[in-house]
Each structure stands twice: as C-alpha cells, then as structure tokens.
Amino acid sequence: MHVFLKILTLDTSEVVGKISKNWSGLFQELFTDADNFGIEFPNGIDEYCKATLIGAVFLIVSEFLFFLF
C-alpha cells in the first residue's frame, strides 16, 4: 500500500514529482516509529526542484514525528 502525494507546478499543468509513504509491513508499522518514504522525479528536472522535493520530504517526516508525540 502506497500513499502518493503528487507535486504540481503552480498552474497545475505539470507533475514535477511524487512523494510516497510506503507500507513497511505490519510489525514495523505497529511496533516502531520508522517510516519509509520515496521520491519520484521526472526525467530532465533541474537540481533546485529536486532539492525542494527532498526538503519537502524532511518537512513531512518532521510533521509525522511532531503529531505522534
């Protein structure tokens, strides 16, 4: 099971990436705080957009940790 977040441009005409939370298995999901996230970049995207998407993943992970405790 994957939960996808599509990242769009401001005019919503183009997908610039996808962030997904991947299912880790029942034991890991129930008994640990570990999460598995993935990023998909389209071909030909510039490095500034990639860095922004990686930063967005860190912010999403920190929000998960903040609301867990």
N, C-alpha and C. Protein backbone atom coordinates (compact mmCIF):
# COMPACT_ATOMS: atom_id res chain seq x y z
N MET A 1 0.84 -1.18 0.00
CA MET A 1 0.00 0.00 0.00
C MET A 1 0.89 1.24 0.00
N HIS A 2 0.61 2.14 -0.92
CA HIS A 2 1.36 3.38 -1.02
C HIS A 2 0.39 4.55 -0.92
N VAL A 3 0.85 5.61 -0.29
CA VAL A 3 0.11 6.86 -0.27
C VAL A 3 0.92 7.85 -1.08
N PHE A 4 0.35 8.33 -2.18
CA PHE A 4 1.08 9.23 -3.08
C PHE A 4 0.64 10.67 -2.88
N LEU A 5 1.59 11.56 -2.90
CA LEU A 5 1.34 12.99 -2.94
C LEU A 5 1.94 13.51 -4.25
N LYS A 6 1.09 13.93 -5.17
CA LYS A 6 1.59 14.48 -6.42
C LYS A 6 1.98 15.94 -6.21
N ILE A 7 3.16 16.30 -6.64
CA ILE A 7 3.64 17.67 -6.54
C ILE A 7 3.48 18.30 -7.91
N LEU A 8 2.66 19.36 -7.99
CA LEU A 8 2.34 20.02 -9.25
C LEU A 8 2.98 21.39 -9.32
N THR A 9 3.07 21.93 -10.54
CA THR A 9 3.51 23.31 -10.71
C THR A 9 2.41 24.24 -10.23
N LEU A 10 2.71 25.54 -10.15
CA LEU A 10 1.73 26.49 -9.63
C LEU A 10 0.46 26.56 -10.47
N ASP A 11 0.59 26.38 -11.78
CA ASP A 11 -0.59 26.41 -12.63
C ASP A 11 -1.23 25.03 -12.81
N THR A 12 -0.77 24.06 -12.05
CA THR A 12 -1.26 22.67 -12.02
C THR A 12 -1.28 22.01 -13.40
N SER A 13 -0.33 22.38 -14.25
CA SER A 13 -0.30 21.79 -15.58
C SER A 13 0.69 20.65 -15.70
N GLU A 14 1.62 20.54 -14.76
CA GLU A 14 2.67 19.54 -14.89
C GLU A 14 2.99 18.94 -13.53
N VAL A 15 3.18 17.63 -13.51
CA VAL A 15 3.62 16.95 -12.29
C VAL A 15 5.14 17.01 -12.24
N VAL A 16 5.69 17.59 -11.17
CA VAL A 16 7.14 17.72 -11.04
C VAL A 16 7.73 16.68 -10.10
N GLY A 17 6.90 15.84 -9.52
CA GLY A 17 7.40 14.78 -8.67
C GLY A 17 6.28 14.13 -7.87
N LYS A 18 6.61 13.00 -7.27
CA LYS A 18 5.67 12.29 -6.40
C LYS A 18 6.41 11.88 -5.14
N ILE A 19 5.77 12.11 -4.01
CA ILE A 19 6.29 11.66 -2.72
C ILE A 19 5.33 10.58 -2.24
N SER A 20 5.90 9.46 -1.81
CA SER A 20 5.05 8.36 -1.37
C SER A 20 5.49 7.83 -0.02
N LYS A 21 4.54 7.41 0.78
CA LYS A 21 4.82 6.69 2.02
C LYS A 21 4.55 5.23 1.72
N ASN A 22 5.57 4.43 1.86
CA ASN A 22 5.49 3.02 1.52
C ASN A 22 5.14 2.19 2.75
N TRP A 23 4.34 1.16 2.54
CA TRP A 23 3.96 0.25 3.61
C TRP A 23 5.17 -0.59 3.99
N SER A 24 5.49 -0.64 5.27
CA SER A 24 6.69 -1.33 5.75
C SER A 24 6.42 -2.72 6.27
N GLY A 25 5.20 -3.09 6.37
CA GLY A 25 4.84 -4.37 6.96
C GLY A 25 4.16 -4.14 8.30
N LEU A 26 3.38 -5.09 8.70
CA LEU A 26 2.55 -4.95 9.90
C LEU A 26 3.38 -4.74 11.16
N PHE A 27 4.43 -5.54 11.34
CA PHE A 27 5.23 -5.44 12.56
C PHE A 27 5.90 -4.08 12.68
N GLN A 28 6.52 -3.63 11.62
CA GLN A 28 7.22 -2.34 11.67
C GLN A 28 6.24 -1.18 11.83
N GLU A 29 5.11 -1.25 11.19
CA GLU A 29 4.13 -0.16 11.30
C GLU A 29 3.53 -0.08 12.71
N LEU A 30 3.30 -1.22 13.34
CA LEU A 30 2.66 -1.22 14.66
C LEU A 30 3.63 -0.96 15.80
N PHE A 31 4.84 -1.49 15.72
CA PHE A 31 5.71 -1.50 16.88
C PHE A 31 6.92 -0.59 16.79
N THR A 32 7.10 0.14 15.70
CA THR A 32 8.23 1.07 15.59
C THR A 32 7.74 2.40 15.08
N ASP A 33 8.61 3.40 15.17
CA ASP A 33 8.31 4.72 14.63
C ASP A 33 8.91 4.92 13.25
N ALA A 34 9.50 3.89 12.68
CA ALA A 34 10.17 4.00 11.39
C ALA A 34 9.14 4.11 10.27
N ASP A 35 9.42 4.98 9.32
CA ASP A 35 8.59 5.14 8.12
C ASP A 35 9.48 5.07 6.90
N ASN A 36 8.92 4.63 5.80
CA ASN A 36 9.65 4.57 4.53
C ASN A 36 8.99 5.51 3.54
N PHE A 37 9.73 6.51 3.10
CA PHE A 37 9.25 7.45 2.12
C PHE A 37 10.06 7.31 0.85
N GLY A 38 9.43 7.58 -0.27
CA GLY A 38 10.11 7.56 -1.55
C GLY A 38 9.80 8.81 -2.34
N ILE A 39 10.72 9.17 -3.23
CA ILE A 39 10.55 10.32 -4.11
C ILE A 39 10.73 9.86 -5.53
N GLU A 40 9.85 10.29 -6.42
CA GLU A 40 9.99 10.02 -7.85
C GLU A 40 10.14 11.35 -8.57
N PHE A 41 11.22 11.47 -9.35
CA PHE A 41 11.46 12.66 -10.15
C PHE A 41 11.23 12.34 -11.62
N PRO A 42 10.63 13.25 -12.38
CA PRO A 42 10.57 13.03 -13.83
C PRO A 42 11.94 13.28 -14.45
N ASN A 43 12.16 12.74 -15.62
CA ASN A 43 13.43 12.96 -16.32
C ASN A 43 13.57 14.42 -16.72
N GLY A 44 14.77 14.95 -16.58
CA GLY A 44 15.06 16.30 -17.04
C GLY A 44 14.72 17.40 -16.05
N ILE A 45 14.43 17.07 -14.80
CA ILE A 45 14.10 18.09 -13.82
C ILE A 45 15.40 18.69 -13.28
N ASP A 46 15.38 19.99 -12.96
CA ASP A 46 16.61 20.64 -12.51
C ASP A 46 16.90 20.32 -11.04
N GLU A 47 18.14 20.59 -10.63
CA GLU A 47 18.58 20.21 -9.29
C GLU A 47 17.91 21.04 -8.19
N TYR A 48 17.46 22.26 -8.50
CA TYR A 48 16.79 23.08 -7.49
C TYR A 48 15.41 22.50 -7.14
N CYS A 49 14.73 22.00 -8.13
CA CYS A 49 13.43 21.37 -7.88
C CYS A 49 13.60 20.06 -7.12
N LYS A 50 14.66 19.30 -7.43
CA LYS A 50 14.93 18.08 -6.69
C LYS A 50 15.24 18.39 -5.23
N ALA A 51 16.04 19.41 -4.99
CA ALA A 51 16.38 19.79 -3.61
C ALA A 51 15.13 20.24 -2.85
N THR A 52 14.22 20.93 -3.52
CA THR A 52 12.98 21.36 -2.88
C THR A 52 12.12 20.17 -2.51
N LEU A 53 12.03 19.17 -3.39
CA LEU A 53 11.25 17.97 -3.08
C LEU A 53 11.86 17.17 -1.92
N ILE A 54 13.19 17.09 -1.87
CA ILE A 54 13.83 16.39 -0.76
C ILE A 54 13.57 17.14 0.54
N GLY A 55 13.62 18.47 0.51
CA GLY A 55 13.28 19.26 1.69
C GLY A 55 11.84 19.07 2.11
N ALA A 56 10.94 18.92 1.15
CA ALA A 56 9.53 18.68 1.47
C ALA A 56 9.36 17.35 2.18
N VAL A 57 10.12 16.33 1.78
CA VAL A 57 10.04 15.03 2.45
C VAL A 57 10.49 15.17 3.91
N PHE A 58 11.57 15.93 4.14
CA PHE A 58 12.02 16.13 5.52
C PHE A 58 10.96 16.85 6.35
N LEU A 59 10.27 17.81 5.76
CA LEU A 59 9.21 18.51 6.49
C LEU A 59 8.03 17.58 6.78
N ILE A 60 7.69 16.72 5.84
CA ILE A 60 6.59 15.77 6.05
C ILE A 60 6.96 14.80 7.17
N VAL A 61 8.18 14.30 7.17
CA VAL A 61 8.62 13.38 8.22
C VAL A 61 8.60 14.07 9.57
N SER A 62 9.05 15.31 9.64
CA SER A 62 9.05 16.01 10.92
C SER A 62 7.62 16.25 11.42
N GLU A 63 6.66 16.48 10.52
CA GLU A 63 5.27 16.64 10.92
C GLU A 63 4.71 15.35 11.48
N PHE A 64 5.07 14.21 10.85
CA PHE A 64 4.63 12.92 11.39
C PHE A 64 5.17 12.72 12.79
N LEU A 65 6.43 13.04 13.02
CA LEU A 65 7.03 12.87 14.34
C LEU A 65 6.41 13.83 15.35
N PHE A 66 6.10 15.04 14.93
CA PHE A 66 5.53 16.02 15.84
C PHE A 66 4.16 15.58 16.34
N PHE A 67 3.32 15.07 15.46
CA PHE A 67 1.98 14.69 15.85
C PHE A 67 1.90 13.31 16.49
N LEU A 68 2.98 12.53 16.43
CA LEU A 68 2.97 11.25 17.11
C LEU A 68 3.19 11.40 18.61
N PHE A 69 3.95 12.42 18.99
CA PHE A 69 4.31 12.54 20.41
C PHE A 69 3.55 13.64 21.07
